[in-house]
N, C-alpha and C. Protein backbone atom coordinates (compact mmCIF):
# COMPACT_ATOMS: atom_id res chain seq x y z
N MET A 1 0.84 -1.20 0.00
CA MET A 1 0.00 0.00 0.00
C MET A 1 0.87 1.26 0.00
N LEU A 2 1.93 1.24 0.83
CA LEU A 2 2.82 2.40 0.90
C LEU A 2 3.53 2.62 -0.42
N LEU A 3 3.97 1.53 -1.05
CA LEU A 3 4.65 1.67 -2.34
C LEU A 3 3.70 2.21 -3.40
N ARG A 4 2.42 1.82 -3.32
CA ARG A 4 1.46 2.33 -4.28
C ARG A 4 1.24 3.83 -4.12
N LEU A 5 1.17 4.30 -2.86
CA LEU A 5 1.00 5.73 -2.63
C LEU A 5 2.21 6.51 -3.11
N ILE A 6 3.42 5.97 -2.85
CA ILE A 6 4.64 6.63 -3.32
C ILE A 6 4.65 6.74 -4.83
N PHE A 7 4.22 5.66 -5.50
CA PHE A 7 4.18 5.68 -6.96
C PHE A 7 3.19 6.71 -7.48
N VAL A 8 2.02 6.81 -6.83
CA VAL A 8 1.01 7.77 -7.27
C VAL A 8 1.50 9.20 -7.13
N PHE A 9 2.14 9.51 -5.96
CA PHE A 9 2.66 10.87 -5.75
C PHE A 9 3.79 11.19 -6.72
N ALA A 10 4.65 10.21 -6.99
CA ALA A 10 5.74 10.44 -7.93
C ALA A 10 5.21 10.69 -9.34
N ALA A 11 4.20 9.92 -9.74
CA ALA A 11 3.60 10.14 -11.06
C ALA A 11 2.94 11.50 -11.17
N ALA A 12 2.27 11.91 -10.09
CA ALA A 12 1.63 13.23 -10.11
C ALA A 12 2.67 14.34 -10.20
N ALA A 13 3.80 14.18 -9.50
CA ALA A 13 4.85 15.20 -9.56
C ALA A 13 5.44 15.30 -10.95
N VAL A 14 5.65 14.15 -11.62
CA VAL A 14 6.21 14.15 -12.97
C VAL A 14 5.26 14.81 -13.95
N LEU A 15 3.94 14.45 -13.84
CA LEU A 15 2.96 15.04 -14.75
C LEU A 15 2.82 16.54 -14.54
N SER A 16 2.88 16.98 -13.29
CA SER A 16 2.77 18.42 -13.04
C SER A 16 3.99 19.17 -13.55
N ALA A 17 5.15 18.52 -13.51
CA ALA A 17 6.36 19.17 -14.02
C ALA A 17 6.33 19.27 -15.53
N CYS A 18 5.58 18.34 -16.18
CA CYS A 18 5.52 18.38 -17.63
C CYS A 18 4.55 19.44 -18.14
N GLY A 19 3.72 19.96 -17.27
CA GLY A 19 2.75 20.97 -17.68
C GLY A 19 3.42 22.28 -18.01
N ARG A 20 2.79 23.05 -18.85
CA ARG A 20 3.33 24.35 -19.27
C ARG A 20 2.54 25.44 -18.59
N PHE A 21 3.24 26.24 -17.81
CA PHE A 21 2.61 27.36 -17.13
C PHE A 21 2.78 28.61 -17.96
N ALA A 22 1.76 29.42 -17.98
CA ALA A 22 1.83 30.68 -18.73
C ALA A 22 2.79 31.63 -18.04
N PRO A 23 3.75 32.20 -18.77
CA PRO A 23 4.73 33.10 -18.13
C PRO A 23 4.06 34.38 -17.69
N GLU A 24 4.59 34.93 -16.62
CA GLU A 24 4.08 36.20 -16.13
C GLU A 24 4.65 37.33 -16.98
N THR A 25 3.76 38.10 -17.53
CA THR A 25 4.17 39.21 -18.37
C THR A 25 3.65 40.50 -17.78
N GLU A 26 4.48 41.49 -17.83
CA GLU A 26 4.13 42.80 -17.31
C GLU A 26 3.66 43.68 -18.46
N ALA A 27 2.41 44.08 -18.40
CA ALA A 27 1.83 44.88 -19.48
C ALA A 27 2.43 46.28 -19.48
N ALA A 28 2.51 46.84 -20.67
CA ALA A 28 3.02 48.21 -20.79
C ALA A 28 2.04 49.18 -20.15
N SER A 29 2.59 50.23 -19.56
CA SER A 29 1.75 51.21 -18.88
C SER A 29 1.00 52.06 -19.89
N ASP A 30 -0.21 52.43 -19.56
CA ASP A 30 -1.01 53.31 -20.41
C ASP A 30 -0.56 54.75 -20.22
N PRO A 31 -0.57 55.52 -21.28
CA PRO A 31 -0.16 56.92 -21.14
C PRO A 31 -1.15 57.71 -20.31
N LEU A 32 -0.62 58.64 -19.55
CA LEU A 32 -1.45 59.51 -18.72
C LEU A 32 -1.57 60.86 -19.41
N PRO A 33 -2.75 61.22 -19.88
CA PRO A 33 -2.90 62.49 -20.60
C PRO A 33 -2.71 63.68 -19.67
N ILE A 34 -2.14 64.74 -20.23
CA ILE A 34 -1.94 65.98 -19.48
C ILE A 34 -3.20 66.85 -19.61
N PRO A 35 -3.80 67.22 -18.50
CA PRO A 35 -5.00 68.07 -18.61
C PRO A 35 -4.64 69.44 -19.18
N ARG A 36 -5.44 69.91 -20.11
CA ARG A 36 -5.19 71.19 -20.76
C ARG A 36 -6.46 72.05 -20.66
N ALA A 37 -6.24 73.31 -20.46
CA ALA A 37 -7.37 74.24 -20.43
C ALA A 37 -7.78 74.59 -21.85
N ALA A 38 -9.08 74.74 -22.06
CA ALA A 38 -9.57 75.07 -23.39
C ALA A 38 -9.12 76.47 -23.78
N ALA A 39 -8.67 76.60 -25.03
CA ALA A 39 -8.20 77.90 -25.51
C ALA A 39 -9.39 78.82 -25.76
N SER A 40 -9.25 80.03 -25.33
CA SER A 40 -10.32 81.00 -25.52
C SER A 40 -10.31 81.51 -26.95
N PRO A 41 -11.45 81.61 -27.58
CA PRO A 41 -11.48 82.07 -28.97
C PRO A 41 -11.07 83.53 -29.08
N GLU A 42 -10.40 83.83 -30.17
CA GLU A 42 -9.95 85.19 -30.43
C GLU A 42 -10.57 85.66 -31.74
N ALA A 43 -11.55 86.49 -31.64
CA ALA A 43 -12.27 86.93 -32.83
C ALA A 43 -11.39 87.82 -33.71
N GLY A 44 -11.43 87.56 -35.01
CA GLY A 44 -10.74 88.41 -35.97
C GLY A 44 -9.28 88.08 -36.16
N ALA A 45 -8.73 87.06 -35.47
CA ALA A 45 -7.31 86.73 -35.60
C ALA A 45 -7.14 85.51 -36.49
N ILE A 46 -6.09 85.50 -37.29
CA ILE A 46 -5.78 84.33 -38.13
C ILE A 46 -5.23 83.19 -37.29
N TYR A 47 -4.38 83.48 -36.33
CA TYR A 47 -3.76 82.46 -35.47
C TYR A 47 -4.42 82.49 -34.10
N THR A 48 -4.75 81.33 -33.61
CA THR A 48 -5.28 81.20 -32.26
C THR A 48 -4.38 80.28 -31.47
N SER A 49 -4.43 80.41 -30.16
CA SER A 49 -3.53 79.62 -29.30
C SER A 49 -3.91 78.15 -29.25
N GLY A 50 -5.05 77.77 -29.76
CA GLY A 50 -5.45 76.37 -29.74
C GLY A 50 -4.90 75.54 -30.88
N PHE A 51 -4.21 76.15 -31.86
CA PHE A 51 -3.72 75.43 -33.02
C PHE A 51 -2.28 75.84 -33.28
N ASN A 52 -1.51 74.92 -33.95
CA ASN A 52 -0.14 75.22 -34.33
C ASN A 52 -0.11 75.93 -35.68
N LEU A 53 0.98 76.64 -35.92
CA LEU A 53 1.12 77.34 -37.19
C LEU A 53 1.35 76.38 -38.35
N PHE A 54 1.92 75.23 -38.09
CA PHE A 54 2.18 74.25 -39.15
C PHE A 54 1.94 72.85 -38.59
N ALA A 55 1.76 71.89 -39.49
CA ALA A 55 1.49 70.50 -39.09
C ALA A 55 2.80 69.76 -38.91
N ASP A 56 2.96 69.12 -37.79
CA ASP A 56 4.16 68.33 -37.49
C ASP A 56 3.69 67.00 -36.90
N LEU A 57 3.98 65.92 -37.61
CA LEU A 57 3.50 64.61 -37.21
C LEU A 57 4.37 63.94 -36.16
N ARG A 58 5.46 64.57 -35.77
CA ARG A 58 6.36 63.94 -34.81
C ARG A 58 5.77 63.99 -33.40
N ALA A 59 6.00 62.90 -32.66
CA ALA A 59 5.45 62.80 -31.30
C ALA A 59 6.14 63.80 -30.39
N ARG A 60 5.33 64.42 -29.53
CA ARG A 60 5.90 65.38 -28.60
C ARG A 60 5.15 65.44 -27.27
N ASN A 61 3.90 64.99 -27.26
CA ASN A 61 3.09 65.07 -26.06
C ASN A 61 2.73 63.68 -25.55
N VAL A 62 2.29 63.60 -24.29
CA VAL A 62 1.86 62.34 -23.70
C VAL A 62 0.66 61.81 -24.47
N GLY A 63 0.74 60.53 -24.81
CA GLY A 63 -0.31 59.89 -25.58
C GLY A 63 -0.04 59.82 -27.06
N ASP A 64 0.96 60.57 -27.57
CA ASP A 64 1.30 60.51 -28.99
C ASP A 64 1.94 59.17 -29.33
N ILE A 65 1.83 58.78 -30.59
CA ILE A 65 2.35 57.51 -31.08
C ILE A 65 3.66 57.74 -31.82
N LEU A 66 4.62 56.85 -31.59
CA LEU A 66 5.94 56.93 -32.21
C LEU A 66 6.33 55.56 -32.74
N THR A 67 6.96 55.53 -33.91
CA THR A 67 7.43 54.27 -34.50
C THR A 67 8.90 54.07 -34.16
N VAL A 68 9.22 52.91 -33.58
CA VAL A 68 10.60 52.55 -33.26
C VAL A 68 11.04 51.45 -34.23
N ASN A 69 12.06 51.75 -35.03
CA ASN A 69 12.62 50.78 -35.96
C ASN A 69 13.66 49.92 -35.21
N LEU A 70 13.43 48.63 -35.16
CA LEU A 70 14.32 47.72 -34.46
C LEU A 70 15.47 47.34 -35.39
N VAL A 71 16.66 47.81 -35.05
CA VAL A 71 17.86 47.52 -35.85
C VAL A 71 18.96 47.05 -34.90
N GLU A 72 18.64 46.06 -34.10
CA GLU A 72 19.57 45.57 -33.10
C GLU A 72 20.40 44.41 -33.65
N ARG A 73 21.68 44.45 -33.34
CA ARG A 73 22.59 43.36 -33.70
C ARG A 73 23.67 43.27 -32.63
N MET A 74 23.73 42.15 -31.96
CA MET A 74 24.69 41.96 -30.87
C MET A 74 25.46 40.67 -31.10
N GLN A 75 26.73 40.69 -30.79
CA GLN A 75 27.59 39.51 -30.89
C GLN A 75 28.55 39.50 -29.71
N ALA A 76 28.60 38.38 -29.02
CA ALA A 76 29.46 38.26 -27.83
C ALA A 76 30.15 36.91 -27.85
N GLU A 77 31.38 36.89 -27.36
CA GLU A 77 32.17 35.67 -27.25
C GLU A 77 32.84 35.64 -25.88
N ASN A 78 32.91 34.46 -25.32
CA ASN A 78 33.52 34.29 -24.00
C ASN A 78 34.27 32.97 -23.97
N GLU A 79 35.48 33.02 -23.45
CA GLU A 79 36.32 31.82 -23.36
C GLU A 79 37.07 31.85 -22.03
N SER A 80 37.03 30.76 -21.32
CA SER A 80 37.71 30.68 -20.03
C SER A 80 38.21 29.26 -19.80
N SER A 81 39.27 29.14 -19.01
CA SER A 81 39.84 27.85 -18.66
C SER A 81 40.39 27.91 -17.25
N THR A 82 40.31 26.79 -16.55
CA THR A 82 40.77 26.70 -15.17
C THR A 82 41.54 25.40 -14.97
N ASN A 83 42.69 25.50 -14.34
CA ASN A 83 43.50 24.33 -13.99
C ASN A 83 43.95 24.47 -12.55
N SER A 84 43.74 23.42 -11.80
CA SER A 84 44.13 23.41 -10.39
C SER A 84 44.73 22.06 -10.04
N THR A 85 45.90 22.09 -9.39
CA THR A 85 46.60 20.87 -9.00
C THR A 85 47.14 21.03 -7.60
N LYS A 86 46.99 20.01 -6.77
CA LYS A 86 47.50 20.04 -5.42
C LYS A 86 47.98 18.64 -5.04
N ALA A 87 49.22 18.58 -4.55
CA ALA A 87 49.81 17.31 -4.12
C ALA A 87 50.42 17.50 -2.73
N SER A 88 50.23 16.53 -1.88
CA SER A 88 50.79 16.61 -0.52
C SER A 88 51.18 15.21 -0.06
N SER A 89 52.15 15.15 0.81
CA SER A 89 52.61 13.86 1.36
C SER A 89 53.02 14.05 2.80
N LEU A 90 52.84 12.99 3.57
CA LEU A 90 53.18 13.00 4.99
C LEU A 90 53.81 11.66 5.35
N ASP A 91 55.01 11.71 5.93
CA ASP A 91 55.74 10.49 6.29
C ASP A 91 56.25 10.64 7.72
N THR A 92 55.78 9.78 8.60
CA THR A 92 56.25 9.78 10.00
C THR A 92 57.06 8.52 10.25
N GLY A 93 58.31 8.73 10.63
CA GLY A 93 59.16 7.58 10.90
C GLY A 93 58.76 6.84 12.18
N THR A 94 59.32 5.69 12.35
CA THR A 94 59.01 4.88 13.52
C THR A 94 59.63 5.51 14.77
N PRO A 95 58.82 5.84 15.76
CA PRO A 95 59.39 6.43 16.98
C PRO A 95 60.23 5.39 17.73
N ILE A 96 61.26 5.88 18.35
CA ILE A 96 62.16 5.02 19.12
C ILE A 96 62.06 5.42 20.58
N ILE A 97 61.73 4.45 21.41
CA ILE A 97 61.61 4.67 22.85
C ILE A 97 62.63 3.76 23.55
N ALA A 98 63.47 4.38 24.36
CA ALA A 98 64.52 3.65 25.10
C ALA A 98 65.41 2.88 24.14
N GLY A 99 65.66 3.47 22.97
CA GLY A 99 66.57 2.86 22.02
C GLY A 99 65.97 1.76 21.20
N ARG A 100 64.66 1.49 21.36
CA ARG A 100 64.04 0.40 20.61
C ARG A 100 62.78 0.95 19.91
N PRO A 101 62.56 0.56 18.67
CA PRO A 101 61.34 1.00 17.96
C PRO A 101 60.11 0.33 18.56
N VAL A 102 59.01 1.03 18.44
CA VAL A 102 57.74 0.50 18.95
C VAL A 102 57.20 -0.49 17.93
N THR A 103 57.05 -1.72 18.36
CA THR A 103 56.58 -2.78 17.46
C THR A 103 55.51 -3.59 18.15
N ASN A 104 54.82 -4.35 17.34
CA ASN A 104 53.81 -5.29 17.84
C ASN A 104 53.93 -6.56 17.02
N GLY A 105 54.48 -7.58 17.66
CA GLY A 105 54.70 -8.83 16.93
C GLY A 105 55.74 -8.68 15.85
N GLY A 106 56.69 -7.77 16.08
CA GLY A 106 57.76 -7.55 15.11
C GLY A 106 57.41 -6.57 14.02
N THR A 107 56.17 -6.01 14.06
CA THR A 107 55.72 -5.03 13.05
C THR A 107 55.74 -3.64 13.64
N GLN A 108 56.33 -2.72 12.95
CA GLN A 108 56.36 -1.34 13.40
C GLN A 108 54.97 -0.71 13.20
N ILE A 109 54.27 -0.45 14.28
CA ILE A 109 52.86 -0.04 14.21
C ILE A 109 52.69 1.48 14.14
N LEU A 110 53.73 2.23 14.41
CA LEU A 110 53.61 3.69 14.41
C LEU A 110 54.31 4.34 13.22
N ASN A 111 54.62 3.56 12.23
CA ASN A 111 55.23 4.10 11.01
C ASN A 111 54.12 4.39 10.01
N ASN A 112 53.86 5.69 9.69
CA ASN A 112 52.74 6.10 8.83
C ASN A 112 53.25 6.88 7.63
N GLU A 113 52.56 6.72 6.52
CA GLU A 113 52.88 7.45 5.30
C GLU A 113 51.57 7.76 4.57
N ILE A 114 51.35 9.04 4.32
CA ILE A 114 50.11 9.50 3.67
C ILE A 114 50.48 10.34 2.46
N GLU A 115 49.82 10.07 1.32
CA GLU A 115 50.01 10.83 0.10
C GLU A 115 48.65 11.16 -0.50
N SER A 116 48.55 12.36 -1.02
CA SER A 116 47.31 12.77 -1.70
C SER A 116 47.66 13.60 -2.91
N ASP A 117 46.85 13.44 -3.92
CA ASP A 117 47.06 14.15 -5.18
C ASP A 117 45.70 14.50 -5.76
N ARG A 118 45.47 15.80 -5.97
CA ARG A 118 44.20 16.26 -6.51
C ARG A 118 44.46 17.18 -7.70
N SER A 119 43.61 17.07 -8.70
CA SER A 119 43.74 17.93 -9.87
C SER A 119 42.35 18.21 -10.44
N PHE A 120 42.23 19.39 -11.02
CA PHE A 120 40.97 19.80 -11.64
C PHE A 120 41.29 20.60 -12.89
N ALA A 121 40.57 20.31 -13.95
CA ALA A 121 40.74 21.05 -15.20
C ALA A 121 39.36 21.32 -15.79
N GLY A 122 39.12 22.56 -16.13
CA GLY A 122 37.84 22.94 -16.72
C GLY A 122 38.05 23.98 -17.81
N ALA A 123 37.20 23.93 -18.81
CA ALA A 123 37.30 24.88 -19.92
C ALA A 123 35.90 25.15 -20.45
N SER A 124 35.67 26.38 -20.88
CA SER A 124 34.38 26.75 -21.46
C SER A 124 34.61 27.73 -22.59
N ASP A 125 33.76 27.62 -23.59
CA ASP A 125 33.84 28.50 -24.76
C ASP A 125 32.42 28.73 -25.24
N SER A 126 32.00 29.96 -25.25
CA SER A 126 30.63 30.28 -25.66
C SER A 126 30.63 31.49 -26.58
N SER A 127 29.69 31.49 -27.49
CA SER A 127 29.51 32.62 -28.41
C SER A 127 28.01 32.80 -28.65
N GLN A 128 27.61 34.03 -28.84
CA GLN A 128 26.20 34.34 -29.03
C GLN A 128 26.07 35.49 -30.02
N SER A 129 25.15 35.34 -30.94
CA SER A 129 24.90 36.36 -31.94
C SER A 129 23.40 36.54 -32.10
N ASN A 130 22.93 37.77 -31.97
CA ASN A 130 21.51 38.07 -32.07
C ASN A 130 21.29 39.20 -33.06
N ARG A 131 20.18 39.09 -33.79
CA ARG A 131 19.78 40.15 -34.72
C ARG A 131 18.27 40.31 -34.65
N LEU A 132 17.83 41.54 -34.58
CA LEU A 132 16.41 41.84 -34.47
C LEU A 132 16.08 43.00 -35.38
N ASN A 133 15.25 42.75 -36.36
CA ASN A 133 14.82 43.77 -37.31
C ASN A 133 13.30 43.82 -37.33
N GLY A 134 12.77 45.01 -37.46
CA GLY A 134 11.33 45.17 -37.51
C GLY A 134 10.95 46.57 -37.06
N ALA A 135 9.68 46.74 -36.73
CA ALA A 135 9.17 48.03 -36.29
C ALA A 135 8.04 47.80 -35.31
N ILE A 136 7.89 48.70 -34.36
CA ILE A 136 6.85 48.62 -33.36
C ILE A 136 6.38 50.03 -33.01
N GLN A 137 5.09 50.16 -32.76
CA GLN A 137 4.52 51.44 -32.37
C GLN A 137 4.53 51.54 -30.85
N VAL A 138 5.03 52.65 -30.33
CA VAL A 138 5.05 52.91 -28.90
C VAL A 138 4.32 54.22 -28.64
N SER A 139 3.92 54.40 -27.41
CA SER A 139 3.23 55.62 -27.02
C SER A 139 4.06 56.38 -25.99
N VAL A 140 3.89 57.68 -25.96
CA VAL A 140 4.61 58.54 -25.03
C VAL A 140 3.92 58.48 -23.67
N LEU A 141 4.66 58.04 -22.65
CA LEU A 141 4.11 57.95 -21.30
C LEU A 141 4.35 59.22 -20.49
N GLU A 142 5.48 59.86 -20.75
CA GLU A 142 5.84 61.02 -19.93
C GLU A 142 6.78 61.92 -20.72
N ARG A 143 6.65 63.20 -20.48
CA ARG A 143 7.58 64.16 -21.05
C ARG A 143 8.40 64.77 -19.93
N LEU A 144 9.72 64.52 -19.97
CA LEU A 144 10.59 64.95 -18.90
C LEU A 144 10.82 66.46 -18.96
N ALA A 145 11.46 66.98 -17.88
CA ALA A 145 11.67 68.42 -17.79
C ALA A 145 12.57 68.93 -18.90
N ASN A 146 13.50 68.10 -19.40
CA ASN A 146 14.41 68.54 -20.47
C ASN A 146 13.82 68.30 -21.86
N GLY A 147 12.58 67.85 -21.92
CA GLY A 147 11.92 67.63 -23.21
C GLY A 147 12.00 66.23 -23.73
N ASN A 148 12.82 65.35 -23.15
CA ASN A 148 12.91 63.97 -23.61
C ASN A 148 11.61 63.23 -23.31
N LEU A 149 11.34 62.20 -24.11
CA LEU A 149 10.08 61.48 -24.05
C LEU A 149 10.31 60.06 -23.52
N VAL A 150 9.55 59.68 -22.52
CA VAL A 150 9.56 58.30 -22.02
C VAL A 150 8.51 57.52 -22.80
N VAL A 151 8.94 56.49 -23.52
CA VAL A 151 8.04 55.75 -24.40
C VAL A 151 7.98 54.30 -23.98
N SER A 152 6.89 53.65 -24.32
CA SER A 152 6.71 52.23 -24.03
C SER A 152 5.64 51.68 -24.94
N GLY A 153 5.81 50.43 -25.34
CA GLY A 153 4.83 49.77 -26.19
C GLY A 153 5.16 48.31 -26.36
N GLU A 154 4.16 47.54 -26.74
CA GLU A 154 4.35 46.11 -26.96
C GLU A 154 3.46 45.64 -28.09
N LYS A 155 3.83 44.50 -28.66
CA LYS A 155 3.08 43.90 -29.76
C LYS A 155 3.03 42.39 -29.57
N TRP A 156 1.83 41.83 -29.63
CA TRP A 156 1.62 40.39 -29.54
C TRP A 156 1.26 39.87 -30.93
N ILE A 157 1.95 38.83 -31.36
CA ILE A 157 1.69 38.21 -32.65
C ILE A 157 1.36 36.74 -32.41
N THR A 158 0.18 36.30 -32.85
CA THR A 158 -0.24 34.92 -32.69
C THR A 158 -0.11 34.21 -34.03
N ILE A 159 0.70 33.14 -34.05
CA ILE A 159 0.92 32.35 -35.26
C ILE A 159 0.63 30.90 -34.92
N ASN A 160 -0.38 30.32 -35.56
CA ASN A 160 -0.80 28.96 -35.30
C ASN A 160 -1.03 28.75 -33.81
N ARG A 161 -0.20 27.93 -33.16
CA ARG A 161 -0.37 27.63 -31.74
C ARG A 161 0.71 28.26 -30.88
N GLY A 162 1.30 29.32 -31.38
CA GLY A 162 2.34 30.02 -30.63
C GLY A 162 2.11 31.52 -30.66
N GLU A 163 2.67 32.20 -29.69
CA GLU A 163 2.56 33.65 -29.60
C GLU A 163 3.95 34.25 -29.46
N GLU A 164 4.16 35.39 -30.10
CA GLU A 164 5.41 36.12 -30.03
C GLU A 164 5.14 37.50 -29.41
N LEU A 165 6.01 37.88 -28.48
CA LEU A 165 5.87 39.16 -27.79
C LEU A 165 7.08 40.04 -28.10
N ILE A 166 6.81 41.29 -28.48
CA ILE A 166 7.85 42.31 -28.66
C ILE A 166 7.48 43.49 -27.77
N ARG A 167 8.39 43.88 -26.90
CA ARG A 167 8.14 44.99 -25.98
C ARG A 167 9.36 45.91 -25.97
N VAL A 168 9.09 47.20 -26.03
CA VAL A 168 10.15 48.21 -26.07
C VAL A 168 9.80 49.32 -25.09
N THR A 169 10.76 49.70 -24.26
CA THR A 169 10.63 50.85 -23.37
C THR A 169 11.95 51.61 -23.39
N GLY A 170 11.88 52.91 -23.13
CA GLY A 170 13.10 53.71 -23.11
C GLY A 170 12.80 55.19 -23.17
N ILE A 171 13.86 55.98 -23.42
CA ILE A 171 13.77 57.44 -23.48
C ILE A 171 14.27 57.90 -24.85
N VAL A 172 13.50 58.78 -25.47
CA VAL A 172 13.80 59.26 -26.82
C VAL A 172 13.98 60.77 -26.79
N ARG A 173 15.01 61.25 -27.47
CA ARG A 173 15.19 62.70 -27.64
C ARG A 173 14.37 63.17 -28.83
N PRO A 174 13.66 64.28 -28.68
CA PRO A 174 12.87 64.77 -29.83
C PRO A 174 13.71 65.06 -31.06
N VAL A 175 14.97 65.47 -30.89
CA VAL A 175 15.81 65.79 -32.05
C VAL A 175 16.17 64.54 -32.84
N ASP A 176 16.04 63.35 -32.25
CA ASP A 176 16.35 62.11 -32.96
C ASP A 176 15.16 61.58 -33.75
N ILE A 177 14.00 62.16 -33.58
CA ILE A 177 12.81 61.69 -34.28
C ILE A 177 12.81 62.25 -35.70
N ARG A 178 12.67 61.38 -36.68
CA ARG A 178 12.66 61.79 -38.08
C ARG A 178 11.34 62.49 -38.43
N PRO A 179 11.32 63.17 -39.56
CA PRO A 179 10.07 63.81 -39.99
C PRO A 179 8.91 62.84 -40.19
N ASP A 180 9.21 61.56 -40.48
CA ASP A 180 8.13 60.58 -40.64
C ASP A 180 7.71 59.97 -39.30
N ASN A 181 8.12 60.59 -38.18
CA ASN A 181 7.73 60.16 -36.83
C ASN A 181 8.26 58.77 -36.50
N SER A 182 9.53 58.54 -36.81
CA SER A 182 10.17 57.27 -36.50
C SER A 182 11.55 57.52 -35.92
N VAL A 183 12.06 56.54 -35.19
CA VAL A 183 13.38 56.62 -34.59
C VAL A 183 13.96 55.22 -34.52
N ASP A 184 15.27 55.09 -34.68
CA ASP A 184 15.93 53.79 -34.59
C ASP A 184 16.09 53.38 -33.12
N SER A 185 16.04 52.08 -32.90
CA SER A 185 16.19 51.58 -31.53
C SER A 185 17.57 51.86 -30.96
N THR A 186 18.56 52.05 -31.83
CA THR A 186 19.91 52.36 -31.35
C THR A 186 20.00 53.77 -30.77
N GLN A 187 18.99 54.60 -30.98
CA GLN A 187 18.98 55.95 -30.45
C GLN A 187 18.06 56.10 -29.24
N VAL A 188 17.57 54.98 -28.73
CA VAL A 188 16.71 54.99 -27.55
C VAL A 188 17.57 54.78 -26.32
N ALA A 189 17.54 55.73 -25.40
CA ALA A 189 18.33 55.63 -24.17
C ALA A 189 17.61 54.75 -23.16
N ASN A 190 18.42 54.08 -22.31
CA ASN A 190 17.88 53.17 -21.30
C ASN A 190 16.89 52.18 -21.91
N ALA A 191 17.24 51.72 -23.10
CA ALA A 191 16.32 50.86 -23.85
C ALA A 191 16.22 49.48 -23.21
N LYS A 192 15.00 48.98 -23.14
CA LYS A 192 14.73 47.62 -22.72
C LYS A 192 13.89 46.97 -23.82
N ILE A 193 14.53 46.09 -24.56
CA ILE A 193 13.89 45.44 -25.70
C ILE A 193 13.72 43.96 -25.36
N GLU A 194 12.51 43.50 -25.40
CA GLU A 194 12.18 42.12 -25.03
C GLU A 194 11.50 41.44 -26.21
N TYR A 195 12.03 40.29 -26.58
CA TYR A 195 11.45 39.50 -27.67
C TYR A 195 11.48 38.03 -27.24
N ARG A 196 10.33 37.46 -27.08
CA ARG A 196 10.25 36.05 -26.67
C ARG A 196 8.92 35.49 -27.13
N GLY A 197 8.83 34.18 -27.03
CA GLY A 197 7.63 33.49 -27.48
C GLY A 197 7.12 32.52 -26.44
N VAL A 198 5.84 32.23 -26.54
CA VAL A 198 5.19 31.22 -25.69
C VAL A 198 4.35 30.34 -26.60
N GLY A 199 4.18 29.09 -26.15
CA GLY A 199 3.37 28.18 -26.93
C GLY A 199 4.16 26.98 -27.40
N THR A 200 3.62 26.29 -28.40
CA THR A 200 4.22 25.04 -28.87
C THR A 200 5.59 25.27 -29.48
N LEU A 201 5.74 26.31 -30.28
CA LEU A 201 7.03 26.56 -30.92
C LEU A 201 8.10 26.91 -29.89
N ALA A 202 7.74 27.70 -28.88
CA ALA A 202 8.72 28.05 -27.84
C ALA A 202 9.09 26.83 -27.01
N ASP A 203 8.10 25.97 -26.71
CA ASP A 203 8.39 24.78 -25.91
C ASP A 203 9.30 23.81 -26.65
N SER A 204 9.17 23.74 -27.98
CA SER A 204 10.01 22.81 -28.74
C SER A 204 11.48 23.23 -28.73
N ASN A 205 11.75 24.50 -28.48
CA ASN A 205 13.13 24.98 -28.42
C ASN A 205 13.70 25.01 -27.01
N ARG A 206 12.96 24.47 -26.04
CA ARG A 206 13.41 24.46 -24.65
C ARG A 206 13.63 23.03 -24.20
N PRO A 207 14.78 22.72 -23.59
CA PRO A 207 15.01 21.35 -23.11
C PRO A 207 14.08 21.00 -21.97
N GLY A 208 13.90 19.69 -21.76
CA GLY A 208 13.03 19.22 -20.69
C GLY A 208 13.61 19.51 -19.31
N TRP A 209 12.74 19.30 -18.30
CA TRP A 209 13.16 19.66 -16.93
C TRP A 209 14.28 18.76 -16.44
N LEU A 210 14.32 17.48 -16.87
CA LEU A 210 15.39 16.60 -16.42
C LEU A 210 16.71 16.99 -17.06
N THR A 211 16.67 17.38 -18.34
CA THR A 211 17.89 17.84 -19.01
C THR A 211 18.41 19.12 -18.37
N ARG A 212 17.50 20.03 -18.01
CA ARG A 212 17.92 21.25 -17.34
C ARG A 212 18.54 20.96 -15.97
N PHE A 213 18.05 19.91 -15.30
CA PHE A 213 18.63 19.56 -14.00
C PHE A 213 20.06 19.07 -14.15
N PHE A 214 20.32 18.20 -15.16
CA PHE A 214 21.67 17.69 -15.35
C PHE A 214 22.64 18.78 -15.79
N ASN A 215 22.13 19.86 -16.41
CA ASN A 215 22.99 20.96 -16.83
C ASN A 215 23.05 22.10 -15.83
N SER A 216 22.38 21.96 -14.70
CA SER A 216 22.34 23.02 -13.70
C SER A 216 23.43 22.82 -12.65
N PRO A 217 23.74 23.86 -11.86
CA PRO A 217 24.73 23.71 -10.78
C PRO A 217 24.30 22.74 -9.69
N TRP A 218 23.00 22.37 -9.64
CA TRP A 218 22.53 21.44 -8.62
C TRP A 218 22.98 20.01 -8.88
N PHE A 219 23.39 19.71 -10.12
CA PHE A 219 23.87 18.36 -10.41
C PHE A 219 25.23 18.18 -9.75
N PRO A 220 25.39 17.18 -8.85
CA PRO A 220 26.62 17.12 -8.04
C PRO A 220 27.84 16.62 -8.79
N PHE A 221 27.71 16.11 -10.02
CA PHE A 221 28.86 15.50 -10.69
C PHE A 221 29.28 16.31 -11.90
């Protein structure tokens, strides 16, 4: 009976580990509009304070939309090696008491010799190359005192049984915004660009939980 209960709990633990949990995602913040007082009409004037003298499509106020062109390309390489060797020995001669060695049945019982030798060698070599091209619409969340714009936005793409998420946050200078109301991601300060997927396609590119255990620091060997 006890073995049956152990088997049932073990099977339940394995099945629960095989389940796919939805990742926690933090939604982009909604822009907070700045309250504005209504402009008073000015009779007989060509220009009024409620309108601009010319049309400019570039984002400048909270709630405006801005296009961020993703032109990211990163490449990193890392190589390391470790070698450690330690050898020690200990030899104690037979003590002599009253001119005679200490023996038992003719065998010297206090003559000891200890030797130890340890060595460790490890090496690692890793390289990573990423490229991200595309475009995403972001909204202005805040306009700082120096005129820079805090922007944030995300895009969800559902393809068959998988979903792709693109999220961009950062700070944009108005002078970097092109006349077509776009800016490159390389000109976004404090940029946080997130691109990941969930679903069947993402799960197929992820090793199983047992494989991750053998490759983790918790594996003792």
